[in-house]
Amino acid sequence: MPEGATVQAWQGSERITAAIEAGVDVIASPQEWVYLNRQANELPMDRVASFDPSALAGGTRAGKLLGGEAP
């Protein structure tokens, strides 16, 4: 990754953790929590509302979590 790069990780929570461990800044948009472009019965709104991006960051890592977003 180029120095100063920011990653928007949306393909899964494990990619958010991997990007932070790789030392890049991350915007968390994991599809299993907040990807809204799907049928209404595929992702209950209570799951979306309970999304906590900080839970994916873990302890001290090389990169940092900038926040979450629902694509």
Foldseek 3Di string as FASTA:
>chain_A
DDPQDEEEDADALVVQQVCQQVQHEYAYAHPQQAAPPDDDVSHDVVSNVPDDNVVSNPDDHNYYYPYYDRD
